[in-house]
Amino acid sequence: MQQANPSQPTRVIARHPGAHLAWIGKGFLLLLAVLAIIVLVRSFFDNPQLFIQIVISGLQLGFVYALIALGYTMVYGIVRLINFAHGDVFMVGAFVSYFAVSYFNLHLWPTVVFPGIPVGVAVVIGSITVILLSMIVCAMMAAVIERVAYRPLRTAPRITALITAIGVSFFLEYFGALNFVFTARFIPYQRPFSVVTWYIKDGIHLVVAGQAAPIGSITFSNIAIIIMVASILMQVALQFLVRRTKTGKAMRATAFDKQTAQLMGINADQVISITFAIGAALAGMGGVLYAIAYPSINTLMGILPGLKAFVAAVLGGIGSIPGAFVGALIMGQAESLTAGYISTPMRDAIAFSILIIVLLVRPTGIFGEPEGEKA
């Protein structure tokens, strides 16, 4: 019998308590991915037109989610707060544009001020004005909410700030439902511009008003193009802001170490307020584009898009701007494909199942990295 040498240290292998569960989750995720690929390939070859149409719908939805998810990930990256009121800021943006268009005809101001302006140019300028107004109002509202509700709790436990965010969310939803504010009913949304639809079948053709596209064709509209272009431009602008500007450097410094950033002369409270305002402005734009794409609004319209954008941010790696963008596109495709090939009610179940799987398998998300200890 061999005796242990006391001079040699004994190797102890420590296992993480959730290691087995993580491996089960990874195996399940791999199986799910294989099944999904098989189903998608088969669906594509069975009916390629339908598949491409569903993918286009998923892209449109995913780009809207991206605008909301960017706000989640920016705020969390700096103050480690999941701002559950963010989806209701999205709702306020939609209502601001509704009143601007339906009551004040703000989208028509170029034709009033410049009577000889071409119609197309007037529509573009008027629509951009409506979107900018919603972004400004949402940014100002978020800055006020941050100053009143979140800043006094900066040193409080995180659960306190989280509960406050939920309270702010409920306040915005049910205060907006009052009859003298937005009312609780569903309101038809008047678009600031007309919808133009094209179909692809033996070339690209315009769908004439009052006629339907031919069966088996792939259709897309100017709304889908506007949503995709606007979302990509905001992503690029945000990356430029964070990486190339003085404000962006202050944001990154505050996110890395708030106390050290303050010692270096950075006003952390101002940086946090700016971050809330920028995230809210993106949500306001998302609210306008969502209302244009799905023209019916109510005070609870921000709940599900807000939660799904949060799932997208977690999927991509909350705190990562590219991660939020990629996660939102994946969420949009997952929801659209589920509604197209399984059933519409299942799309919400699939969306939140993704959150559970990601938390089990890779809590840091696709682009996230485990936090290291600061020296």
Protein backbone atom coordinates (compact mmCIF):
# COMPACT_ATOMS: atom_id res chain seq x y z
CA MET A 1 0.00 0.00 0.00
CA GLN A 2 1.50 3.31 -1.10
CA GLN A 3 1.58 6.06 1.48
CA ALA A 4 0.78 9.61 0.58
CA ASN A 5 3.71 11.98 0.48
CA PRO A 6 2.92 14.89 2.83
CA SER A 7 5.30 17.14 0.85
CA GLN A 8 3.09 16.90 -2.24
CA PRO A 9 -0.12 18.98 -2.12
CA THR A 10 -3.34 17.11 -2.57
CA ARG A 11 -5.26 18.16 -5.69
CA VAL A 12 -8.86 18.95 -4.97
CA ILE A 13 -11.16 19.25 -7.93
CA ALA A 14 -13.99 21.66 -7.16
CA ARG A 15 -17.09 21.48 -9.24
CA HIS A 16 -19.51 24.30 -9.65
CA PRO A 17 -22.88 23.37 -8.12
CA GLY A 18 -24.67 24.11 -11.38
CA ALA A 19 -22.14 22.45 -13.69
CA HIS A 20 -24.33 19.42 -14.45
CA LEU A 21 -27.34 21.64 -15.05
CA ALA A 22 -25.32 23.82 -17.41
CA TRP A 23 -24.18 20.78 -19.41
CA ILE A 24 -27.78 19.54 -19.63
CA GLY A 25 -28.81 22.98 -20.83
CA LYS A 26 -26.05 23.04 -23.45
CA GLY A 27 -27.09 19.61 -24.71
CA PHE A 28 -30.71 20.67 -24.88
CA LEU A 29 -29.75 23.88 -26.68
CA LEU A 30 -27.66 21.93 -29.20
CA LEU A 31 -30.52 19.52 -29.84
CA LEU A 32 -32.93 22.43 -30.20
CA ALA A 33 -30.58 24.17 -32.66
CA VAL A 34 -30.26 21.01 -34.79
CA LEU A 35 -34.03 20.54 -34.85
CA ALA A 36 -34.56 24.20 -35.71
CA ILE A 37 -32.08 24.01 -38.60
CA ILE A 38 -33.77 20.86 -39.96
CA VAL A 39 -37.21 22.47 -39.74
CA LEU A 40 -36.04 25.72 -41.34
CA VAL A 41 -34.27 23.98 -44.22
CA ARG A 42 -37.30 21.82 -44.88
CA SER A 43 -39.63 24.83 -44.67
CA PHE A 44 -37.47 26.76 -47.11
CA PHE A 45 -37.54 24.00 -49.73
CA ASP A 46 -41.27 23.34 -49.22
CA ASN A 47 -42.29 26.96 -49.76
CA PRO A 48 -39.38 29.38 -50.28
CA GLN A 49 -41.65 32.39 -50.89
CA LEU A 50 -43.43 31.94 -47.55
CA PHE A 51 -40.12 31.40 -45.74
CA ILE A 52 -38.57 34.58 -47.15
CA GLN A 53 -41.73 36.54 -46.35
CA ILE A 54 -41.59 35.38 -42.72
CA VAL A 55 -37.89 36.29 -42.53
CA ILE A 56 -38.63 39.81 -43.81
CA SER A 57 -41.34 40.18 -41.16
CA GLY A 58 -38.88 38.97 -38.51
CA LEU A 59 -36.28 41.50 -39.62
CA GLN A 60 -38.80 44.32 -39.35
CA LEU A 61 -39.71 43.26 -35.82
CA GLY A 62 -36.11 42.58 -34.82
CA PHE A 63 -34.91 46.03 -35.84
CA VAL A 64 -37.62 47.62 -33.67
CA TYR A 65 -36.55 45.42 -30.74
CA ALA A 66 -32.97 46.56 -31.37
CA LEU A 67 -33.88 50.20 -30.73
CA ILE A 68 -35.42 49.26 -27.37
CA ALA A 69 -32.70 46.78 -26.40
CA LEU A 70 -29.96 49.38 -26.93
CA GLY A 71 -31.49 51.47 -24.13
CA TYR A 72 -31.59 48.49 -21.78
CA THR A 73 -27.99 47.56 -22.42
CA MET A 74 -26.67 51.14 -22.12
CA VAL A 75 -28.32 51.76 -18.76
CA TYR A 76 -27.30 48.39 -17.37
CA GLY A 77 -23.75 48.81 -18.59
CA ILE A 78 -23.30 51.97 -16.52
CA VAL A 79 -25.51 51.71 -13.41
CA ARG A 80 -26.22 47.94 -13.38
CA LEU A 81 -29.96 48.70 -13.38
CA ILE A 82 -32.56 46.83 -15.42
CA ASN A 83 -34.90 49.70 -16.23
CA PHE A 84 -38.24 47.94 -16.61
CA ALA A 85 -39.90 51.29 -17.27
CA HIS A 86 -38.07 51.43 -20.61
CA GLY A 87 -40.89 49.68 -22.48
CA ASP A 88 -43.32 52.32 -21.25
CA VAL A 89 -41.06 55.08 -22.53
CA PHE A 90 -41.45 53.29 -25.86
CA MET A 91 -45.23 53.59 -25.43
CA VAL A 92 -45.02 57.31 -24.65
CA GLY A 93 -43.03 57.84 -27.85
CA ALA A 94 -45.83 56.25 -29.87
CA PHE A 95 -48.47 58.44 -28.21
CA VAL A 96 -46.47 61.62 -28.68
CA SER A 97 -46.26 60.94 -32.40
CA TYR A 98 -49.98 60.09 -32.47
CA PHE A 99 -50.96 63.47 -31.01
CA ALA A 100 -48.42 65.29 -33.18
CA VAL A 101 -49.91 63.76 -36.35
CA SER A 102 -53.62 63.43 -35.53
CA TYR A 103 -54.21 66.63 -33.54
CA PHE A 104 -51.52 69.09 -34.63
CA ASN A 105 -50.73 67.85 -38.18
CA LEU A 106 -47.04 68.33 -37.46
CA HIS A 107 -46.15 66.10 -40.39
CA LEU A 108 -47.71 68.67 -42.74
CA TRP A 109 -45.78 71.72 -41.53
CA PRO A 110 -43.36 71.83 -44.53
CA THR A 111 -46.28 72.24 -46.97
CA VAL A 112 -47.68 75.10 -44.85
CA VAL A 113 -44.39 76.96 -44.41
CA PHE A 114 -43.06 76.23 -47.92
CA PRO A 115 -46.10 75.86 -50.23
CA GLY A 116 -44.00 75.09 -53.32
CA ILE A 117 -41.97 72.28 -51.77
CA PRO A 118 -42.18 68.89 -53.56
CA VAL A 119 -44.58 66.44 -51.91
CA GLY A 120 -41.97 63.74 -51.38
CA VAL A 121 -39.54 66.11 -49.68
CA ALA A 122 -42.33 67.51 -47.49
CA VAL A 123 -43.34 64.00 -46.36
CA VAL A 124 -39.76 63.08 -45.46
CA ILE A 125 -39.14 66.31 -43.51
CA GLY A 126 -42.52 66.11 -41.75
CA SER A 127 -42.05 62.46 -40.74
CA ILE A 128 -38.53 63.11 -39.44
CA THR A 129 -39.88 66.04 -37.43
CA VAL A 130 -42.49 63.80 -35.78
CA ILE A 131 -39.86 61.19 -34.92
CA LEU A 132 -37.48 63.83 -33.53
CA LEU A 133 -40.25 65.30 -31.36
CA SER A 134 -41.00 61.88 -29.88
CA MET A 135 -37.30 61.27 -29.24
CA ILE A 136 -36.87 64.63 -27.49
CA VAL A 137 -39.96 64.18 -25.29
CA CYS A 138 -38.90 60.66 -24.30
CA ALA A 139 -35.34 61.80 -23.57
CA MET A 140 -36.57 64.63 -21.34
CA MET A 141 -39.00 62.32 -19.54
CA ALA A 142 -36.28 59.71 -18.92
CA ALA A 143 -33.92 62.37 -17.55
CA VAL A 144 -36.62 63.51 -15.12
CA ILE A 145 -37.40 59.92 -14.07
CA GLU A 146 -33.70 59.24 -13.49
CA ARG A 147 -33.31 62.40 -11.41
CA VAL A 148 -36.43 61.88 -9.30
CA ALA A 149 -36.75 58.10 -8.95
CA TYR A 150 -33.34 56.52 -9.53
CA ARG A 151 -30.64 58.96 -8.46
CA PRO A 152 -31.69 59.05 -4.76
CA LEU A 153 -31.33 55.24 -4.74
CA ARG A 154 -27.87 55.16 -6.31
CA THR A 155 -26.23 53.71 -3.18
CA ALA A 156 -29.24 51.60 -2.15
CA PRO A 157 -29.35 47.82 -2.74
CA ARG A 158 -30.03 46.88 -6.36
CA ILE A 159 -33.33 45.26 -5.49
CA THR A 160 -34.59 48.65 -4.27
CA ALA A 161 -33.85 50.31 -7.62
CA LEU A 162 -35.38 47.34 -9.46
CA ILE A 163 -38.62 47.59 -7.49
CA THR A 164 -38.66 51.33 -8.13
CA ALA A 165 -38.28 50.71 -11.88
CA ILE A 166 -41.28 48.37 -11.79
CA GLY A 167 -43.25 51.02 -9.87
CA VAL A 168 -42.36 53.69 -12.45
CA SER A 169 -43.49 51.29 -15.18
CA PHE A 170 -46.89 50.76 -13.56
CA PHE A 171 -47.28 54.48 -12.99
CA LEU A 172 -46.68 55.31 -16.65
CA GLU A 173 -49.07 52.58 -17.83
CA TYR A 174 -52.00 53.37 -15.57
CA PHE A 175 -51.56 57.12 -15.38
CA GLY A 176 -51.59 57.11 -19.16
CA ALA A 177 -54.80 55.03 -19.09
CA LEU A 178 -56.71 57.87 -17.38
CA ASN A 179 -59.38 59.48 -19.55
CA PHE A 180 -57.75 62.92 -19.47
CA VAL A 181 -54.34 61.52 -20.53
CA PHE A 182 -54.22 58.79 -23.21
CA THR A 183 -57.31 56.71 -22.22
CA ALA A 184 -57.25 52.92 -21.84
CA ARG A 185 -58.79 52.07 -25.22
CA PHE A 186 -57.05 50.93 -28.36
CA ILE A 187 -56.55 53.89 -30.67
CA PRO A 188 -56.13 53.63 -34.46
CA TYR A 189 -52.85 55.26 -35.42
CA GLN A 190 -52.72 57.72 -38.30
CA ARG A 191 -49.47 57.26 -40.21
CA PRO A 192 -47.54 60.41 -41.18
CA PHE A 193 -46.99 59.01 -44.68
CA SER A 194 -48.64 56.56 -47.05
CA VAL A 195 -47.65 52.91 -47.22
CA VAL A 196 -46.04 51.83 -50.47
CA THR A 197 -45.78 48.10 -51.14
CA TRP A 198 -43.76 46.18 -53.72
CA TYR A 199 -43.84 42.53 -54.66
CA ILE A 200 -41.14 40.30 -56.13
CA LYS A 201 -42.28 37.85 -58.76
CA ASP A 202 -40.58 37.90 -62.13
CA GLY A 203 -38.97 41.16 -61.10
CA ILE A 204 -39.85 43.92 -58.62
CA HIS A 205 -43.29 45.48 -59.17
CA LEU A 206 -45.30 48.12 -57.36
CA VAL A 207 -48.60 47.06 -55.78
CA VAL A 208 -51.27 49.43 -57.10
CA ALA A 209 -53.63 50.83 -54.46
CA GLY A 210 -56.77 48.70 -54.10
CA GLN A 211 -55.16 45.60 -55.61
CA ALA A 212 -53.56 42.58 -53.93
CA ALA A 213 -50.14 41.19 -54.73
CA PRO A 214 -50.14 37.97 -56.81
CA ILE A 215 -50.25 34.68 -54.89
CA GLY A 216 -46.79 33.24 -54.27
CA SER A 217 -45.01 36.59 -54.49
CA ILE A 218 -42.76 38.16 -51.83
CA THR A 219 -44.00 41.52 -50.61
CA PHE A 220 -42.21 44.27 -48.70
CA SER A 221 -43.14 47.85 -47.91
CA ASN A 222 -41.48 51.19 -47.43
CA ILE A 223 -42.22 50.84 -43.70
CA ALA A 224 -39.94 47.78 -43.41
CA ILE A 225 -37.17 49.58 -45.28
CA ILE A 226 -37.49 52.72 -43.13
CA ILE A 227 -37.38 50.67 -39.90
CA MET A 228 -34.29 48.75 -40.99
CA VAL A 229 -32.41 51.82 -42.26
CA ALA A 230 -33.29 53.92 -39.19
CA SER A 231 -32.24 51.17 -36.79
CA ILE A 232 -28.91 50.58 -38.56
CA LEU A 233 -28.19 54.33 -38.63
CA MET A 234 -28.92 54.61 -34.89
CA GLN A 235 -26.66 51.64 -34.20
CA VAL A 236 -23.80 53.22 -36.16
CA ALA A 237 -24.37 56.63 -34.55
CA LEU A 238 -24.42 55.10 -31.08
CA GLN A 239 -21.21 53.18 -31.71
CA PHE A 240 -19.58 56.39 -32.94
CA LEU A 241 -20.82 58.26 -29.85
CA VAL A 242 -19.52 55.64 -27.44
CA ARG A 243 -16.18 55.02 -29.16
CA ARG A 244 -15.17 58.36 -30.67
CA THR A 245 -16.60 61.19 -28.57
CA LYS A 246 -15.70 62.68 -25.21
CA THR A 247 -19.14 61.82 -23.84
CA GLY A 248 -18.70 58.23 -24.96
CA LYS A 249 -15.33 57.98 -23.25
CA ALA A 250 -16.92 59.31 -20.07
CA MET A 251 -19.65 56.68 -20.38
CA ARG A 252 -17.11 53.88 -20.75
CA ALA A 253 -15.04 55.18 -17.84
CA THR A 254 -18.11 55.43 -15.60
CA ALA A 255 -19.22 51.95 -16.60
CA PHE A 256 -15.79 50.50 -15.78
CA ASP A 257 -15.26 52.21 -12.42
CA LYS A 258 -17.57 54.99 -11.30
CA GLN A 259 -15.51 56.07 -8.27
CA THR A 260 -12.26 56.31 -10.22
CA ALA A 261 -14.02 58.18 -13.03
CA GLN A 262 -15.27 60.75 -10.51
CA LEU A 263 -11.73 61.17 -9.14
CA MET A 264 -10.59 61.87 -12.71
CA GLY A 265 -13.06 64.77 -12.95
CA ILE A 266 -15.96 63.04 -14.70
CA ASN A 267 -19.42 64.07 -13.55
CA ALA A 268 -20.88 60.57 -13.19
CA ASP A 269 -24.40 61.76 -12.41
CA GLN A 270 -24.49 63.83 -15.59
CA VAL A 271 -23.14 60.90 -17.62
CA ILE A 272 -25.83 58.60 -16.21
CA SER A 273 -28.56 61.16 -17.02
CA ILE A 274 -27.25 61.46 -20.59
CA THR A 275 -27.24 57.68 -20.90
CA PHE A 276 -30.86 57.44 -19.76
CA ALA A 277 -31.81 60.22 -22.19
CA ILE A 278 -30.08 58.58 -25.18
CA GLY A 279 -31.63 55.18 -24.42
CA ALA A 280 -35.07 56.77 -24.06
CA ALA A 281 -34.66 58.67 -27.33
CA LEU A 282 -33.96 55.39 -29.13
CA ALA A 283 -37.01 53.83 -27.44
CA GLY A 284 -39.10 56.82 -28.54
CA MET A 285 -38.02 56.30 -32.14
CA GLY A 286 -38.82 52.59 -31.76
CA GLY A 287 -42.29 53.47 -30.47
CA VAL A 288 -43.02 55.67 -33.49
CA LEU A 289 -41.77 53.07 -35.99
CA TYR A 290 -43.66 50.26 -34.22
CA ALA A 291 -46.89 52.29 -34.31
CA ILE A 292 -46.36 53.03 -38.00
CA ALA A 293 -45.82 49.34 -38.74
CA TYR A 294 -48.68 48.07 -36.52
CA PRO A 295 -51.11 51.03 -36.46
CA SER A 296 -52.98 50.50 -33.19
CA ILE A 297 -51.74 51.89 -29.88
CA ASN A 298 -52.74 51.67 -26.21
CA THR A 299 -51.09 52.35 -22.87
CA LEU A 300 -50.06 48.71 -22.36
CA MET A 301 -48.43 48.35 -25.76
CA GLY A 302 -44.91 48.67 -24.34
CA ILE A 303 -45.04 45.68 -21.97
CA LEU A 304 -44.34 42.77 -24.33
CA PRO A 305 -41.99 44.62 -26.72
CA GLY A 306 -40.09 45.91 -23.69
CA LEU A 307 -39.75 42.46 -22.12
CA LYS A 308 -38.74 40.88 -25.43
CA ALA A 309 -36.15 43.59 -26.01
CA PHE A 310 -34.82 42.83 -22.53
CA VAL A 311 -34.55 39.15 -23.50
CA ALA A 312 -32.73 40.24 -26.66
CA ALA A 313 -30.28 42.30 -24.59
CA VAL A 314 -29.62 39.33 -22.29
CA LEU A 315 -29.24 37.01 -25.28
CA GLY A 316 -26.70 39.26 -26.97
CA GLY A 317 -24.90 40.10 -23.72
CA ILE A 318 -26.43 42.86 -21.65
CA GLY A 319 -23.98 45.75 -21.51
CA SER A 320 -22.81 45.11 -25.09
CA ILE A 321 -24.20 47.39 -27.81
CA PRO A 322 -23.48 45.00 -30.74
CA GLY A 323 -24.82 42.17 -28.58
CA ALA A 324 -28.14 43.95 -28.07
CA PHE A 325 -28.41 44.51 -31.82
CA VAL A 326 -27.67 40.89 -32.73
CA GLY A 327 -29.85 39.52 -29.94
CA ALA A 328 -32.77 41.66 -31.13
CA LEU A 329 -32.47 40.32 -34.69
CA ILE A 330 -32.41 36.74 -33.36
CA MET A 331 -35.47 37.46 -31.22
CA GLY A 332 -37.35 38.95 -34.16
CA GLN A 333 -36.63 35.89 -36.31
CA ALA A 334 -37.52 33.46 -33.52
CA GLU A 335 -40.84 35.18 -32.91
CA SER A 336 -41.73 35.51 -36.58
CA LEU A 337 -40.80 31.92 -37.50
CA THR A 338 -42.69 30.57 -34.49
CA ALA A 339 -45.82 32.51 -35.44
CA GLY A 340 -45.48 31.41 -39.08
CA TYR A 341 -44.78 27.70 -38.62
CA ILE A 342 -46.15 26.78 -35.18
CA SER A 343 -48.80 29.19 -33.86
CA THR A 344 -49.14 32.85 -32.96
CA PRO A 345 -49.67 32.31 -29.18
CA MET A 346 -46.48 30.21 -29.04
CA ARG A 347 -44.25 33.09 -30.10
CA ASP A 348 -44.31 34.63 -26.62
CA ALA A 349 -43.57 31.27 -24.99
CA ILE A 350 -40.59 30.72 -27.31
CA ALA A 351 -39.30 34.24 -26.62
CA PHE A 352 -39.20 33.76 -22.86
CA SER A 353 -37.94 30.18 -23.18
CA ILE A 354 -34.90 31.69 -24.90
CA LEU A 355 -34.30 33.79 -21.76
CA ILE A 356 -34.39 30.70 -19.52
CA ILE A 357 -32.05 28.73 -21.80
CA VAL A 358 -29.57 31.60 -22.07
CA LEU A 359 -29.48 32.08 -18.29
CA LEU A 360 -28.84 28.36 -17.84
CA VAL A 361 -26.25 27.92 -20.58
CA ARG A 362 -24.46 31.27 -20.96
CA PRO A 363 -25.68 33.96 -18.55
CA THR A 364 -23.27 36.50 -20.03
CA GLY A 365 -24.90 36.21 -23.48
CA ILE A 366 -23.33 35.89 -26.92
CA PHE A 367 -21.03 38.93 -26.71
CA GLY A 368 -20.79 39.19 -22.94
CA GLU A 369 -17.69 38.29 -20.97
CA PRO A 370 -17.48 37.15 -17.35
CA GLU A 371 -16.63 39.98 -15.03
CA GLY A 372 -13.06 39.91 -13.79
CA GLU A 373 -11.84 41.17 -10.45
CA LYS A 374 -10.63 44.75 -10.51
CA ALA A 375 -7.16 45.33 -9.13
